[in-house]
Amino acid sequence: MQILRYQSSIWYRERDEDRQRPLTVVLPVLFYHGPPQQISGRFHDEFELPPEFPSSMRSRLNDFTVEVINLSTRADELIGGDLLMRTALLCMKHIRKGLAAILEVLKPLVVEYRTIALRPELDVLLEYVIRALNLDFEEFAQAVSATQIQGAAEMGKQVLSKYDQRIYDREKEGEARGERKAKSLMAQRLHEEGFAAEDIARLTELSLEQVREALKGSVPE
């Protein structure tokens, strides 16, 4: 049902943008990492049909097939991909086992940290792990550093550094948006007092385009 909702949201968005354009083909892939069990990739199997349901009607039921990669029943050594992909899949598989199990999974990645530190997928993986384990960035960084694996201390510092930078960026963006909002309100007041757009731009240090947006009631970017 969740996959069907994802697909539908994509198609609805495309229809809202352009009703004449053909819909994008979406081929879903499901990575299952819950309790070990067999997972069917066929939507038809979600229905429980009564015995008296006419066989002639079965073909009219909504149906599609999803490619299922069942991590719960796949041995770790059979999970492939490059270092980052394989580590991400193993983290998904073992995330319910807690921090100790995840630190064990992360060992190869920590050792090779310098070679992958700049890849954006690494930030996504680490944030997933931190949030899934209900940790904060400092707790996770300390746990990684405490493993004393080669590269662990560097990775721990980098995690904290990126987190601190993210907080700083959010604070600066908040300050900037507050300043733009204040200038927007000032522009509106000056306009009400009869100032020309050029004078408003000079007094508020906004561009003419930003002034026009402010006078429409929106916050200039």
N, C-alpha and C. Protein backbone atom coordinates (compact mmCIF):
# COMPACT_ATOMS: atom_id res chain seq x y z
N MET A 1 0.83 -1.19 0.00
CA MET A 1 0.00 0.00 0.00
C MET A 1 0.88 1.26 0.00
N GLN A 2 1.96 1.21 0.75
CA GLN A 2 2.85 2.36 0.82
C GLN A 2 3.47 2.64 -0.54
N ILE A 3 3.89 1.60 -1.24
CA ILE A 3 4.48 1.77 -2.56
C ILE A 3 3.44 2.33 -3.52
N LEU A 4 2.22 1.86 -3.45
CA LEU A 4 1.16 2.37 -4.30
C LEU A 4 0.92 3.85 -4.02
N ARG A 5 1.00 4.23 -2.75
CA ARG A 5 0.83 5.65 -2.40
C ARG A 5 1.97 6.50 -2.95
N TYR A 6 3.21 5.97 -2.88
CA TYR A 6 4.36 6.70 -3.45
C TYR A 6 4.17 6.91 -4.95
N GLN A 7 3.80 5.83 -5.63
CA GLN A 7 3.60 5.93 -7.08
C GLN A 7 2.49 6.95 -7.41
N SER A 8 1.39 6.83 -6.69
CA SER A 8 0.25 7.72 -6.96
C SER A 8 0.62 9.18 -6.73
N SER A 9 1.40 9.46 -5.68
CA SER A 9 1.78 10.85 -5.39
C SER A 9 2.63 11.42 -6.52
N ILE A 10 3.51 10.59 -7.09
CA ILE A 10 4.32 11.03 -8.22
C ILE A 10 3.43 11.35 -9.42
N TRP A 11 2.51 10.45 -9.71
CA TRP A 11 1.65 10.64 -10.88
C TRP A 11 0.68 11.80 -10.70
N TYR A 12 0.14 11.97 -9.49
CA TYR A 12 -0.74 13.11 -9.25
C TYR A 12 0.01 14.42 -9.44
N ARG A 13 1.24 14.47 -8.95
CA ARG A 13 2.05 15.69 -9.09
C ARG A 13 2.30 15.99 -10.57
N GLU A 14 2.61 14.94 -11.34
CA GLU A 14 2.86 15.14 -12.76
C GLU A 14 1.59 15.61 -13.48
N ARG A 15 0.44 15.05 -13.12
CA ARG A 15 -0.82 15.46 -13.73
C ARG A 15 -1.14 16.93 -13.39
N ASP A 16 -0.83 17.34 -12.16
CA ASP A 16 -1.08 18.73 -11.77
C ASP A 16 -0.20 19.68 -12.58
N GLU A 17 1.02 19.24 -12.90
CA GLU A 17 1.95 20.09 -13.64
C GLU A 17 1.62 20.13 -15.12
N ASP A 18 1.22 19.01 -15.69
CA ASP A 18 0.97 18.95 -17.14
C ASP A 18 0.07 17.76 -17.43
N ARG A 19 -1.19 18.03 -17.72
CA ARG A 19 -2.15 16.95 -17.95
C ARG A 19 -1.95 16.25 -19.29
N GLN A 20 -1.19 16.88 -20.17
CA GLN A 20 -0.98 16.29 -21.50
C GLN A 20 0.23 15.37 -21.54
N ARG A 21 1.12 15.51 -20.58
CA ARG A 21 2.35 14.72 -20.61
C ARG A 21 2.09 13.29 -20.13
N PRO A 22 2.67 12.30 -20.84
CA PRO A 22 2.52 10.91 -20.37
C PRO A 22 3.15 10.74 -18.98
N LEU A 23 2.59 9.84 -18.21
CA LEU A 23 3.10 9.60 -16.86
C LEU A 23 4.46 8.90 -16.93
N THR A 24 5.27 9.19 -15.93
CA THR A 24 6.58 8.56 -15.81
C THR A 24 6.43 7.10 -15.38
N VAL A 25 7.21 6.24 -15.98
CA VAL A 25 7.21 4.83 -15.56
C VAL A 25 7.95 4.72 -14.23
N VAL A 26 7.32 4.13 -13.23
CA VAL A 26 7.92 3.94 -11.91
C VAL A 26 8.05 2.44 -11.65
N LEU A 27 9.27 1.96 -11.54
CA LEU A 27 9.52 0.54 -11.27
C LEU A 27 9.97 0.41 -9.81
N PRO A 28 9.07 0.05 -8.90
CA PRO A 28 9.40 0.01 -7.48
C PRO A 28 10.27 -1.19 -7.10
N VAL A 29 11.17 -0.94 -6.16
CA VAL A 29 12.00 -1.98 -5.56
C VAL A 29 11.85 -1.88 -4.04
N LEU A 30 11.52 -2.99 -3.41
CA LEU A 30 11.30 -3.00 -1.96
C LEU A 30 12.46 -3.71 -1.27
N PHE A 31 13.15 -2.97 -0.38
CA PHE A 31 14.18 -3.57 0.48
C PHE A 31 13.51 -3.86 1.82
N TYR A 32 13.21 -5.13 2.07
CA TYR A 32 12.55 -5.49 3.32
C TYR A 32 13.60 -5.83 4.39
N HIS A 33 13.47 -5.19 5.56
CA HIS A 33 14.43 -5.47 6.64
C HIS A 33 13.73 -5.60 7.99
N GLY A 34 12.51 -6.09 7.97
CA GLY A 34 11.78 -6.34 9.21
C GLY A 34 12.08 -7.73 9.75
N PRO A 35 11.23 -8.25 10.63
CA PRO A 35 11.41 -9.61 11.15
C PRO A 35 11.49 -10.62 10.02
N PRO A 36 12.33 -11.65 10.14
CA PRO A 36 12.49 -12.63 9.05
C PRO A 36 11.18 -13.26 8.65
N GLN A 37 10.86 -13.18 7.40
CA GLN A 37 9.67 -13.80 6.83
C GLN A 37 9.74 -13.71 5.32
N GLN A 38 8.94 -14.51 4.66
CA GLN A 38 8.86 -14.45 3.21
C GLN A 38 7.90 -13.31 2.81
N ILE A 39 8.32 -12.52 1.86
CA ILE A 39 7.55 -11.37 1.43
C ILE A 39 7.15 -11.53 -0.04
N SER A 40 5.86 -11.42 -0.29
CA SER A 40 5.40 -11.47 -1.67
C SER A 40 5.52 -10.09 -2.30
N GLY A 41 5.94 -10.06 -3.53
CA GLY A 41 6.05 -8.78 -4.23
C GLY A 41 4.84 -8.48 -5.09
N ARG A 42 3.78 -9.27 -4.94
CA ARG A 42 2.59 -9.08 -5.76
C ARG A 42 1.48 -8.44 -4.95
N PHE A 43 0.97 -7.32 -5.44
CA PHE A 43 -0.10 -6.60 -4.75
C PHE A 43 -1.36 -7.46 -4.62
N HIS A 44 -1.60 -8.30 -5.60
CA HIS A 44 -2.77 -9.18 -5.60
C HIS A 44 -2.83 -10.03 -4.33
N ASP A 45 -1.65 -10.39 -3.80
CA ASP A 45 -1.61 -11.26 -2.62
C ASP A 45 -2.06 -10.55 -1.34
N GLU A 46 -2.24 -9.24 -1.40
CA GLU A 46 -2.71 -8.49 -0.22
C GLU A 46 -4.22 -8.70 -0.01
N PHE A 47 -4.91 -9.17 -1.03
CA PHE A 47 -6.36 -9.38 -0.92
C PHE A 47 -6.66 -10.78 -0.39
N GLU A 48 -7.69 -10.87 0.42
CA GLU A 48 -8.19 -12.17 0.87
C GLU A 48 -9.55 -12.39 0.22
N LEU A 49 -9.56 -13.17 -0.84
CA LEU A 49 -10.78 -13.35 -1.60
C LEU A 49 -11.60 -14.51 -1.05
N PRO A 50 -12.88 -14.31 -0.90
CA PRO A 50 -13.73 -15.41 -0.43
C PRO A 50 -13.81 -16.51 -1.49
N PRO A 51 -14.08 -17.74 -1.09
CA PRO A 51 -14.14 -18.87 -2.05
C PRO A 51 -15.14 -18.63 -3.18
N GLU A 52 -16.21 -17.91 -2.87
CA GLU A 52 -17.25 -17.72 -3.89
C GLU A 52 -16.93 -16.58 -4.86
N PHE A 53 -15.77 -15.94 -4.67
CA PHE A 53 -15.42 -14.83 -5.56
C PHE A 53 -15.22 -15.38 -6.98
N PRO A 54 -15.91 -14.82 -7.96
CA PRO A 54 -15.84 -15.36 -9.34
C PRO A 54 -14.44 -15.28 -9.92
N SER A 55 -13.98 -16.37 -10.45
CA SER A 55 -12.64 -16.39 -11.05
C SER A 55 -12.55 -15.43 -12.23
N SER A 56 -13.69 -15.21 -12.89
CA SER A 56 -13.70 -14.31 -14.04
C SER A 56 -13.43 -12.86 -13.65
N MET A 57 -13.59 -12.55 -12.34
CA MET A 57 -13.39 -11.18 -11.86
C MET A 57 -11.98 -10.94 -11.36
N ARG A 58 -11.22 -11.99 -11.17
CA ARG A 58 -9.88 -11.84 -10.60
C ARG A 58 -8.97 -10.95 -11.47
N SER A 59 -9.12 -11.07 -12.76
CA SER A 59 -8.27 -10.29 -13.65
C SER A 59 -8.58 -8.79 -13.59
N ARG A 60 -9.71 -8.44 -12.98
CA ARG A 60 -10.10 -7.03 -12.89
C ARG A 60 -9.61 -6.37 -11.60
N LEU A 61 -9.01 -7.13 -10.72
CA LEU A 61 -8.47 -6.56 -9.48
C LEU A 61 -7.20 -5.77 -9.79
N ASN A 62 -7.00 -4.71 -9.03
CA ASN A 62 -5.75 -3.98 -9.15
C ASN A 62 -4.58 -4.92 -8.85
N ASP A 63 -3.57 -4.88 -9.68
CA ASP A 63 -2.45 -5.79 -9.45
C ASP A 63 -1.18 -5.21 -10.06
N PHE A 64 -0.08 -5.40 -9.38
CA PHE A 64 1.24 -5.08 -9.90
C PHE A 64 2.26 -5.86 -9.09
N THR A 65 3.45 -5.99 -9.62
CA THR A 65 4.49 -6.77 -8.95
C THR A 65 5.66 -5.86 -8.61
N VAL A 66 6.17 -6.04 -7.41
CA VAL A 66 7.30 -5.25 -6.91
C VAL A 66 8.52 -6.16 -6.79
N GLU A 67 9.66 -5.67 -7.20
CA GLU A 67 10.91 -6.40 -6.98
C GLU A 67 11.24 -6.35 -5.49
N VAL A 68 11.30 -7.50 -4.84
CA VAL A 68 11.56 -7.54 -3.40
C VAL A 68 12.97 -8.04 -3.14
N ILE A 69 13.73 -7.26 -2.40
CA ILE A 69 15.04 -7.69 -1.91
C ILE A 69 14.89 -7.91 -0.41
N ASN A 70 14.78 -9.18 -0.03
CA ASN A 70 14.46 -9.53 1.35
C ASN A 70 15.75 -9.66 2.16
N LEU A 71 16.13 -8.57 2.82
CA LEU A 71 17.35 -8.58 3.62
C LEU A 71 17.23 -9.48 4.84
N SER A 72 16.01 -9.68 5.32
CA SER A 72 15.82 -10.44 6.56
C SER A 72 16.21 -11.91 6.40
N THR A 73 16.11 -12.44 5.19
CA THR A 73 16.42 -13.86 4.98
C THR A 73 17.70 -14.06 4.16
N ARG A 74 18.37 -12.98 3.83
CA ARG A 74 19.59 -13.08 3.03
C ARG A 74 20.82 -13.04 3.93
N ALA A 75 21.73 -13.99 3.75
CA ALA A 75 22.95 -14.03 4.56
C ALA A 75 23.79 -12.79 4.29
N ASP A 76 24.49 -12.31 5.32
CA ASP A 76 25.28 -11.09 5.18
C ASP A 76 26.27 -11.19 4.03
N GLU A 77 26.90 -12.35 3.88
CA GLU A 77 27.93 -12.49 2.84
C GLU A 77 27.34 -12.45 1.43
N LEU A 78 26.04 -12.58 1.32
CA LEU A 78 25.40 -12.52 0.00
C LEU A 78 24.87 -11.13 -0.33
N ILE A 79 25.05 -10.20 0.59
CA ILE A 79 24.65 -8.81 0.34
C ILE A 79 25.82 -8.09 -0.31
N GLY A 80 25.65 -7.69 -1.56
CA GLY A 80 26.76 -7.14 -2.34
C GLY A 80 26.68 -5.64 -2.49
N GLY A 81 27.43 -5.14 -3.49
CA GLY A 81 27.50 -3.71 -3.74
C GLY A 81 28.85 -3.17 -3.32
N ASP A 82 29.10 -1.89 -3.63
CA ASP A 82 30.35 -1.28 -3.16
C ASP A 82 30.29 -1.12 -1.65
N LEU A 83 31.38 -0.64 -1.06
CA LEU A 83 31.48 -0.58 0.41
C LEU A 83 30.33 0.19 1.03
N LEU A 84 30.01 1.34 0.46
CA LEU A 84 28.98 2.18 1.07
C LEU A 84 27.60 1.56 0.91
N MET A 85 27.30 1.02 -0.27
CA MET A 85 26.00 0.39 -0.49
C MET A 85 25.83 -0.84 0.39
N ARG A 86 26.86 -1.68 0.44
CA ARG A 86 26.77 -2.90 1.24
C ARG A 86 26.59 -2.56 2.73
N THR A 87 27.32 -1.56 3.20
CA THR A 87 27.20 -1.16 4.61
C THR A 87 25.81 -0.63 4.90
N ALA A 88 25.26 0.15 3.96
CA ALA A 88 23.91 0.70 4.15
C ALA A 88 22.88 -0.42 4.26
N LEU A 89 22.98 -1.41 3.39
CA LEU A 89 22.03 -2.53 3.42
C LEU A 89 22.18 -3.35 4.70
N LEU A 90 23.42 -3.55 5.14
CA LEU A 90 23.64 -4.30 6.38
C LEU A 90 23.12 -3.52 7.59
N CYS A 91 23.27 -2.21 7.56
CA CYS A 91 22.73 -1.40 8.65
C CYS A 91 21.21 -1.52 8.69
N MET A 92 20.57 -1.49 7.54
CA MET A 92 19.11 -1.67 7.50
C MET A 92 18.73 -3.02 8.08
N LYS A 93 19.49 -4.06 7.71
CA LYS A 93 19.16 -5.41 8.16
C LYS A 93 19.31 -5.54 9.68
N HIS A 94 20.35 -4.96 10.25
CA HIS A 94 20.68 -5.20 11.66
C HIS A 94 20.31 -4.05 12.59
N ILE A 95 19.61 -3.03 12.09
CA ILE A 95 19.38 -1.82 12.88
C ILE A 95 18.61 -2.12 14.17
N ARG A 96 17.75 -3.14 14.17
CA ARG A 96 16.97 -3.44 15.37
C ARG A 96 17.79 -4.13 16.45
N LYS A 97 19.01 -4.54 16.13
CA LYS A 97 19.85 -5.22 17.11
C LYS A 97 20.60 -4.24 18.02
N GLY A 98 20.54 -2.95 17.70
CA GLY A 98 21.13 -1.97 18.58
C GLY A 98 22.48 -1.46 18.13
N LEU A 99 23.03 -0.56 18.95
CA LEU A 99 24.26 0.16 18.60
C LEU A 99 25.45 -0.76 18.44
N ALA A 100 25.61 -1.74 19.33
CA ALA A 100 26.79 -2.61 19.26
C ALA A 100 26.84 -3.36 17.93
N ALA A 101 25.69 -3.86 17.47
CA ALA A 101 25.65 -4.59 16.20
C ALA A 101 25.96 -3.66 15.04
N ILE A 102 25.48 -2.44 15.10
CA ILE A 102 25.71 -1.49 14.01
C ILE A 102 27.17 -1.06 13.96
N LEU A 103 27.80 -0.88 15.11
CA LEU A 103 29.22 -0.53 15.13
C LEU A 103 30.05 -1.63 14.49
N GLU A 104 29.63 -2.88 14.69
CA GLU A 104 30.33 -4.00 14.06
C GLU A 104 30.17 -3.94 12.54
N VAL A 105 28.96 -3.62 12.10
CA VAL A 105 28.69 -3.49 10.66
C VAL A 105 29.51 -2.35 10.06
N LEU A 106 29.69 -1.28 10.82
CA LEU A 106 30.36 -0.09 10.31
C LEU A 106 31.88 -0.20 10.25
N LYS A 107 32.45 -1.25 10.86
CA LYS A 107 33.92 -1.34 10.94
C LYS A 107 34.62 -1.18 9.60
N PRO A 108 34.25 -1.93 8.55
CA PRO A 108 34.95 -1.77 7.26
C PRO A 108 34.83 -0.34 6.72
N LEU A 109 33.68 0.29 6.94
CA LEU A 109 33.48 1.64 6.47
C LEU A 109 34.36 2.63 7.23
N VAL A 110 34.49 2.41 8.54
CA VAL A 110 35.33 3.29 9.36
C VAL A 110 36.78 3.23 8.91
N VAL A 111 37.26 2.02 8.64
CA VAL A 111 38.65 1.84 8.21
C VAL A 111 38.92 2.60 6.91
N GLU A 112 37.93 2.60 6.01
CA GLU A 112 38.09 3.26 4.70
C GLU A 112 37.49 4.66 4.69
N TYR A 113 37.30 5.23 5.89
CA TYR A 113 36.55 6.48 5.98
C TYR A 113 37.15 7.59 5.12
N ARG A 114 38.46 7.72 5.10
CA ARG A 114 39.07 8.82 4.37
C ARG A 114 38.74 8.79 2.88
N THR A 115 38.56 7.59 2.34
CA THR A 115 38.33 7.47 0.89
C THR A 115 36.87 7.78 0.52
N ILE A 116 35.97 7.80 1.49
CA ILE A 116 34.56 8.01 1.18
C ILE A 116 33.96 9.18 1.95
N ALA A 117 34.79 9.91 2.71
CA ALA A 117 34.28 10.95 3.61
C ALA A 117 33.48 12.03 2.89
N LEU A 118 33.81 12.30 1.62
CA LEU A 118 33.16 13.39 0.91
C LEU A 118 31.91 12.95 0.14
N ARG A 119 31.61 11.65 0.15
CA ARG A 119 30.43 11.19 -0.59
C ARG A 119 29.15 11.56 0.17
N PRO A 120 28.21 12.24 -0.48
CA PRO A 120 26.99 12.67 0.23
C PRO A 120 26.15 11.51 0.75
N GLU A 121 26.28 10.32 0.10
CA GLU A 121 25.50 9.17 0.57
C GLU A 121 25.91 8.76 1.98
N LEU A 122 27.17 9.05 2.35
CA LEU A 122 27.63 8.71 3.70
C LEU A 122 26.87 9.50 4.75
N ASP A 123 26.63 10.78 4.50
CA ASP A 123 25.87 11.60 5.44
C ASP A 123 24.46 11.06 5.62
N VAL A 124 23.85 10.64 4.52
CA VAL A 124 22.49 10.08 4.58
C VAL A 124 22.48 8.81 5.42
N LEU A 125 23.47 7.93 5.20
CA LEU A 125 23.55 6.68 5.94
C LEU A 125 23.72 6.93 7.43
N LEU A 126 24.66 7.81 7.79
CA LEU A 126 24.92 8.05 9.21
C LEU A 126 23.73 8.70 9.90
N GLU A 127 23.06 9.60 9.20
CA GLU A 127 21.89 10.23 9.82
C GLU A 127 20.78 9.21 10.01
N TYR A 128 20.62 8.29 9.05
CA TYR A 128 19.64 7.22 9.20
C TYR A 128 19.94 6.38 10.44
N VAL A 129 21.20 5.98 10.60
CA VAL A 129 21.60 5.15 11.74
C VAL A 129 21.34 5.89 13.05
N ILE A 130 21.73 7.15 13.10
CA ILE A 130 21.59 7.94 14.33
C ILE A 130 20.12 8.08 14.71
N ARG A 131 19.29 8.39 13.73
CA ARG A 131 17.87 8.58 14.02
C ARG A 131 17.18 7.25 14.35
N ALA A 132 17.53 6.20 13.61
CA ALA A 132 16.90 4.89 13.85
C ALA A 132 17.23 4.35 15.23
N LEU A 133 18.45 4.64 15.72
CA LEU A 133 18.86 4.18 17.04
C LEU A 133 18.46 5.16 18.14
N ASN A 134 17.79 6.24 17.74
CA ASN A 134 17.33 7.25 18.71
C ASN A 134 18.50 7.83 19.52
N LEU A 135 19.60 8.12 18.82
CA LEU A 135 20.76 8.73 19.45
C LEU A 135 20.85 10.18 19.03
N ASP A 136 21.70 10.95 19.71
CA ASP A 136 22.06 12.25 19.16
C ASP A 136 23.44 12.12 18.52
N PHE A 137 23.85 13.13 17.78
CA PHE A 137 25.09 13.05 17.03
C PHE A 137 26.29 12.87 17.95
N GLU A 138 26.27 13.52 19.11
CA GLU A 138 27.39 13.43 20.04
C GLU A 138 27.53 12.02 20.59
N GLU A 139 26.42 11.39 20.97
CA GLU A 139 26.46 10.01 21.47
C GLU A 139 27.02 9.05 20.43
N PHE A 140 26.58 9.23 19.18
CA PHE A 140 27.05 8.35 18.12
C PHE A 140 28.53 8.56 17.86
N ALA A 141 28.97 9.82 17.81
CA ALA A 141 30.38 10.12 17.57
C ALA A 141 31.26 9.53 18.66
N GLN A 142 30.82 9.62 19.91
CA GLN A 142 31.59 9.06 21.02
C GLN A 142 31.66 7.54 20.92
N ALA A 143 30.54 6.91 20.53
CA ALA A 143 30.51 5.45 20.40
C ALA A 143 31.44 4.98 19.30
N VAL A 144 31.46 5.69 18.18
CA VAL A 144 32.37 5.34 17.08
C VAL A 144 33.82 5.51 17.51
N SER A 145 34.13 6.63 18.13
CA SER A 145 35.51 6.90 18.57
C SER A 145 35.98 5.86 19.58
N ALA A 146 35.07 5.39 20.43
CA ALA A 146 35.43 4.44 21.48
C ALA A 146 35.80 3.06 20.94
N THR A 147 35.45 2.76 19.69
CA THR A 147 35.80 1.47 19.12
C THR A 147 37.30 1.33 18.88
N GLN A 148 37.99 2.48 18.79
CA GLN A 148 39.44 2.53 18.59
C GLN A 148 39.88 1.81 17.30
N ILE A 149 38.95 1.68 16.36
CA ILE A 149 39.31 1.17 15.04
C ILE A 149 40.10 2.25 14.32
N GLN A 150 41.00 1.86 13.45
CA GLN A 150 41.74 2.82 12.66
C GLN A 150 40.75 3.72 11.90
N GLY A 151 40.85 5.02 12.10
CA GLY A 151 39.96 5.96 11.44
C GLY A 151 38.74 6.33 12.25
N ALA A 152 38.51 5.64 13.39
CA ALA A 152 37.29 5.88 14.17
C ALA A 152 37.26 7.28 14.77
N ALA A 153 38.40 7.70 15.33
CA ALA A 153 38.45 9.03 15.95
C ALA A 153 38.19 10.12 14.91
N GLU A 154 38.78 9.95 13.74
CA GLU A 154 38.59 10.93 12.67
C GLU A 154 37.13 10.98 12.22
N MET A 155 36.53 9.81 12.10
CA MET A 155 35.13 9.76 11.69
C MET A 155 34.24 10.39 12.75
N GLY A 156 34.50 10.10 14.02
CA GLY A 156 33.72 10.69 15.10
C GLY A 156 33.78 12.20 15.09
N LYS A 157 35.00 12.74 14.91
CA LYS A 157 35.15 14.20 14.86
C LYS A 157 34.41 14.79 13.67
N GLN A 158 34.48 14.09 12.53
CA GLN A 158 33.83 14.59 11.33
C GLN A 158 32.31 14.59 11.47
N VAL A 159 31.77 13.57 12.12
CA VAL A 159 30.32 13.52 12.35
C VAL A 159 29.89 14.72 13.18
N LEU A 160 30.63 15.00 14.25
CA LEU A 160 30.31 16.15 15.09
C LEU A 160 30.46 17.46 14.33
N SER A 161 31.53 17.53 13.53
CA SER A 161 31.78 18.75 12.76
C SER A 161 30.64 19.04 11.79
N LYS A 162 30.19 17.99 11.10
CA LYS A 162 29.10 18.17 10.14
C LYS A 162 27.81 18.53 10.85
N TYR A 163 27.60 17.93 12.02
CA TYR A 163 26.39 18.25 12.78
C TYR A 163 26.43 19.70 13.25
N ASP A 164 27.58 20.13 13.78
CA ASP A 164 27.71 21.51 14.23
C ASP A 164 27.52 22.48 13.07
N GLN A 165 28.07 22.12 11.89
CA GLN A 165 27.91 22.98 10.73
C GLN A 165 26.45 23.06 10.30
N ARG A 166 25.74 21.92 10.41
CA ARG A 166 24.32 21.90 10.04
C ARG A 166 23.51 22.79 10.97
N ILE A 167 23.80 22.73 12.27
CA ILE A 167 23.12 23.60 13.23
C ILE A 167 23.41 25.06 12.92
N TYR A 168 24.71 25.36 12.63
CA TYR A 168 25.11 26.73 12.32
C TYR A 168 24.37 27.23 11.08
N ASP A 169 24.32 26.37 10.03
CA ASP A 169 23.66 26.76 8.79
C ASP A 169 22.18 27.04 9.01
N ARG A 170 21.54 26.21 9.85
CA ARG A 170 20.12 26.42 10.12
C ARG A 170 19.90 27.72 10.88
N GLU A 171 20.79 28.01 11.84
CA GLU A 171 20.67 29.25 12.60
C GLU A 171 20.86 30.46 11.70
N LYS A 172 21.88 30.39 10.81
CA LYS A 172 22.14 31.50 9.91
C LYS A 172 20.99 31.69 8.93
N GLU A 173 20.43 30.59 8.45
CA GLU A 173 19.29 30.69 7.54
C GLU A 173 18.09 31.30 8.25
N GLY A 174 17.91 30.93 9.53
CA GLY A 174 16.82 31.52 10.30
C GLY A 174 17.01 33.01 10.48
N GLU A 175 18.27 33.41 10.76
CA GLU A 175 18.57 34.84 10.90
C GLU A 175 18.33 35.57 9.59
N ALA A 176 18.76 34.95 8.48
CA ALA A 176 18.61 35.59 7.17
C ALA A 176 17.13 35.74 6.81
N ARG A 177 16.33 34.71 7.10
CA ARG A 177 14.90 34.79 6.79
C ARG A 177 14.23 35.85 7.66
N GLY A 178 14.67 35.96 8.91
CA GLY A 178 14.13 36.99 9.79
C GLY A 178 14.46 38.38 9.27
N GLU A 179 15.68 38.55 8.78
CA GLU A 179 16.09 39.85 8.24
C GLU A 179 15.31 40.18 6.97
N ARG A 180 15.11 39.17 6.10
CA ARG A 180 14.35 39.41 4.87
C ARG A 180 12.90 39.76 5.19
N LYS A 181 12.33 39.10 6.22
CA LYS A 181 10.96 39.39 6.63
C LYS A 181 10.85 40.83 7.13
N ALA A 182 11.83 41.26 7.93
CA ALA A 182 11.82 42.62 8.46
C ALA A 182 11.91 43.65 7.32
N LYS A 183 12.79 43.37 6.35
CA LYS A 183 12.93 44.29 5.22
C LYS A 183 11.67 44.31 4.37
N SER A 184 11.02 43.14 4.25
CA SER A 184 9.78 43.07 3.49
C SER A 184 8.70 43.94 4.15
N LEU A 185 8.58 43.85 5.46
CA LEU A 185 7.59 44.67 6.16
C LEU A 185 7.92 46.15 6.05
N MET A 186 9.21 46.49 6.12
CA MET A 186 9.62 47.88 5.96
C MET A 186 9.26 48.39 4.57
N ALA A 187 9.50 47.55 3.55
CA ALA A 187 9.17 47.94 2.18
C ALA A 187 7.68 48.22 2.04
N GLN A 188 6.85 47.41 2.67
CA GLN A 188 5.41 47.60 2.59
C GLN A 188 4.99 48.91 3.26
N ARG A 189 5.61 49.21 4.40
CA ARG A 189 5.27 50.46 5.10
C ARG A 189 5.70 51.68 4.28
N LEU A 190 6.91 51.61 3.70
CA LEU A 190 7.39 52.72 2.88
C LEU A 190 6.49 52.93 1.66
N HIS A 191 6.02 51.83 1.09
CA HIS A 191 5.12 51.92 -0.06
C HIS A 191 3.82 52.61 0.35
N GLU A 192 3.31 52.26 1.54
CA GLU A 192 2.07 52.87 2.03
C GLU A 192 2.24 54.37 2.25
N GLU A 193 3.48 54.79 2.54
CA GLU A 193 3.75 56.21 2.77
C GLU A 193 4.08 56.95 1.48
N GLY A 194 4.03 56.24 0.35
CA GLY A 194 4.18 56.90 -0.93
C GLY A 194 5.56 56.86 -1.53
N PHE A 195 6.48 56.09 -0.97
CA PHE A 195 7.83 56.00 -1.53
C PHE A 195 7.81 55.21 -2.84
N ALA A 196 8.62 55.63 -3.80
CA ALA A 196 8.75 54.91 -5.06
C ALA A 196 9.56 53.63 -4.85
N ALA A 197 9.36 52.67 -5.75
CA ALA A 197 10.03 51.37 -5.61
C ALA A 197 11.54 51.52 -5.58
N GLU A 198 12.08 52.44 -6.40
CA GLU A 198 13.54 52.64 -6.44
C GLU A 198 14.06 53.14 -5.10
N ASP A 199 13.30 54.05 -4.47
CA ASP A 199 13.70 54.58 -3.17
C ASP A 199 13.59 53.50 -2.09
N ILE A 200 12.55 52.68 -2.19
CA ILE A 200 12.39 51.58 -1.22
C ILE A 200 13.57 50.62 -1.32
N ALA A 201 13.97 50.30 -2.56
CA ALA A 201 15.10 49.40 -2.76
C ALA A 201 16.37 49.98 -2.15
N ARG A 202 16.57 51.28 -2.31
CA ARG A 202 17.78 51.92 -1.77
C ARG A 202 17.76 51.91 -0.24
N LEU A 203 16.61 52.17 0.36
CA LEU A 203 16.51 52.27 1.81
C LEU A 203 16.55 50.90 2.50
N THR A 204 16.02 49.89 1.84
CA THR A 204 15.96 48.56 2.45
C THR A 204 17.09 47.63 2.01
N GLU A 205 17.86 48.08 1.00
CA GLU A 205 18.94 47.28 0.42
C GLU A 205 18.40 46.00 -0.22
N LEU A 206 17.15 46.07 -0.70
CA LEU A 206 16.57 44.99 -1.48
C LEU A 206 16.69 45.33 -2.97
N SER A 207 16.69 44.30 -3.81
CA SER A 207 16.65 44.56 -5.24
C SER A 207 15.24 44.99 -5.62
N LEU A 208 15.10 45.57 -6.83
CA LEU A 208 13.77 45.98 -7.27
C LEU A 208 12.82 44.79 -7.36
N GLU A 209 13.34 43.66 -7.80
CA GLU A 209 12.51 42.46 -7.88
C GLU A 209 12.04 42.03 -6.50
N GLN A 210 12.94 42.08 -5.52
CA GLN A 210 12.57 41.72 -4.15
C GLN A 210 11.54 42.69 -3.58
N VAL A 211 11.69 43.97 -3.93
CA VAL A 211 10.71 44.97 -3.47
C VAL A 211 9.34 44.65 -4.05
N ARG A 212 9.29 44.32 -5.34
CA ARG A 212 8.00 43.99 -5.97
C ARG A 212 7.37 42.78 -5.30
N GLU A 213 8.20 41.78 -4.97
CA GLU A 213 7.68 40.59 -4.28
C GLU A 213 7.16 40.95 -2.90
N ALA A 214 7.88 41.86 -2.21
CA ALA A 214 7.46 42.27 -0.88
C ALA A 214 6.13 42.99 -0.93
N LEU A 215 5.93 43.79 -1.97
CA LEU A 215 4.69 44.55 -2.08
C LEU A 215 3.50 43.66 -2.46
N LYS A 216 3.83 42.45 -2.95
CA LYS A 216 2.77 41.47 -3.21
C LYS A 216 2.41 40.70 -1.95
N GLY A 217 3.20 40.93 -0.89
CA GLY A 217 2.91 40.25 0.38
C GLY A 217 3.73 39.05 0.65
N SER A 218 4.76 38.72 -0.20
CA SER A 218 5.61 37.57 0.03
C SER A 218 6.96 38.01 0.53
N VAL A 219 7.66 37.10 1.24
CA VAL A 219 8.98 37.41 1.77
C VAL A 219 10.02 37.27 0.68
N PRO A 220 10.83 38.29 0.39
CA PRO A 220 11.86 38.15 -0.64
C PRO A 220 12.92 37.16 -0.24
N GLU A 221 13.41 36.42 -1.21
CA GLU A 221 14.46 35.43 -0.93
C GLU A 221 15.83 36.10 -0.95
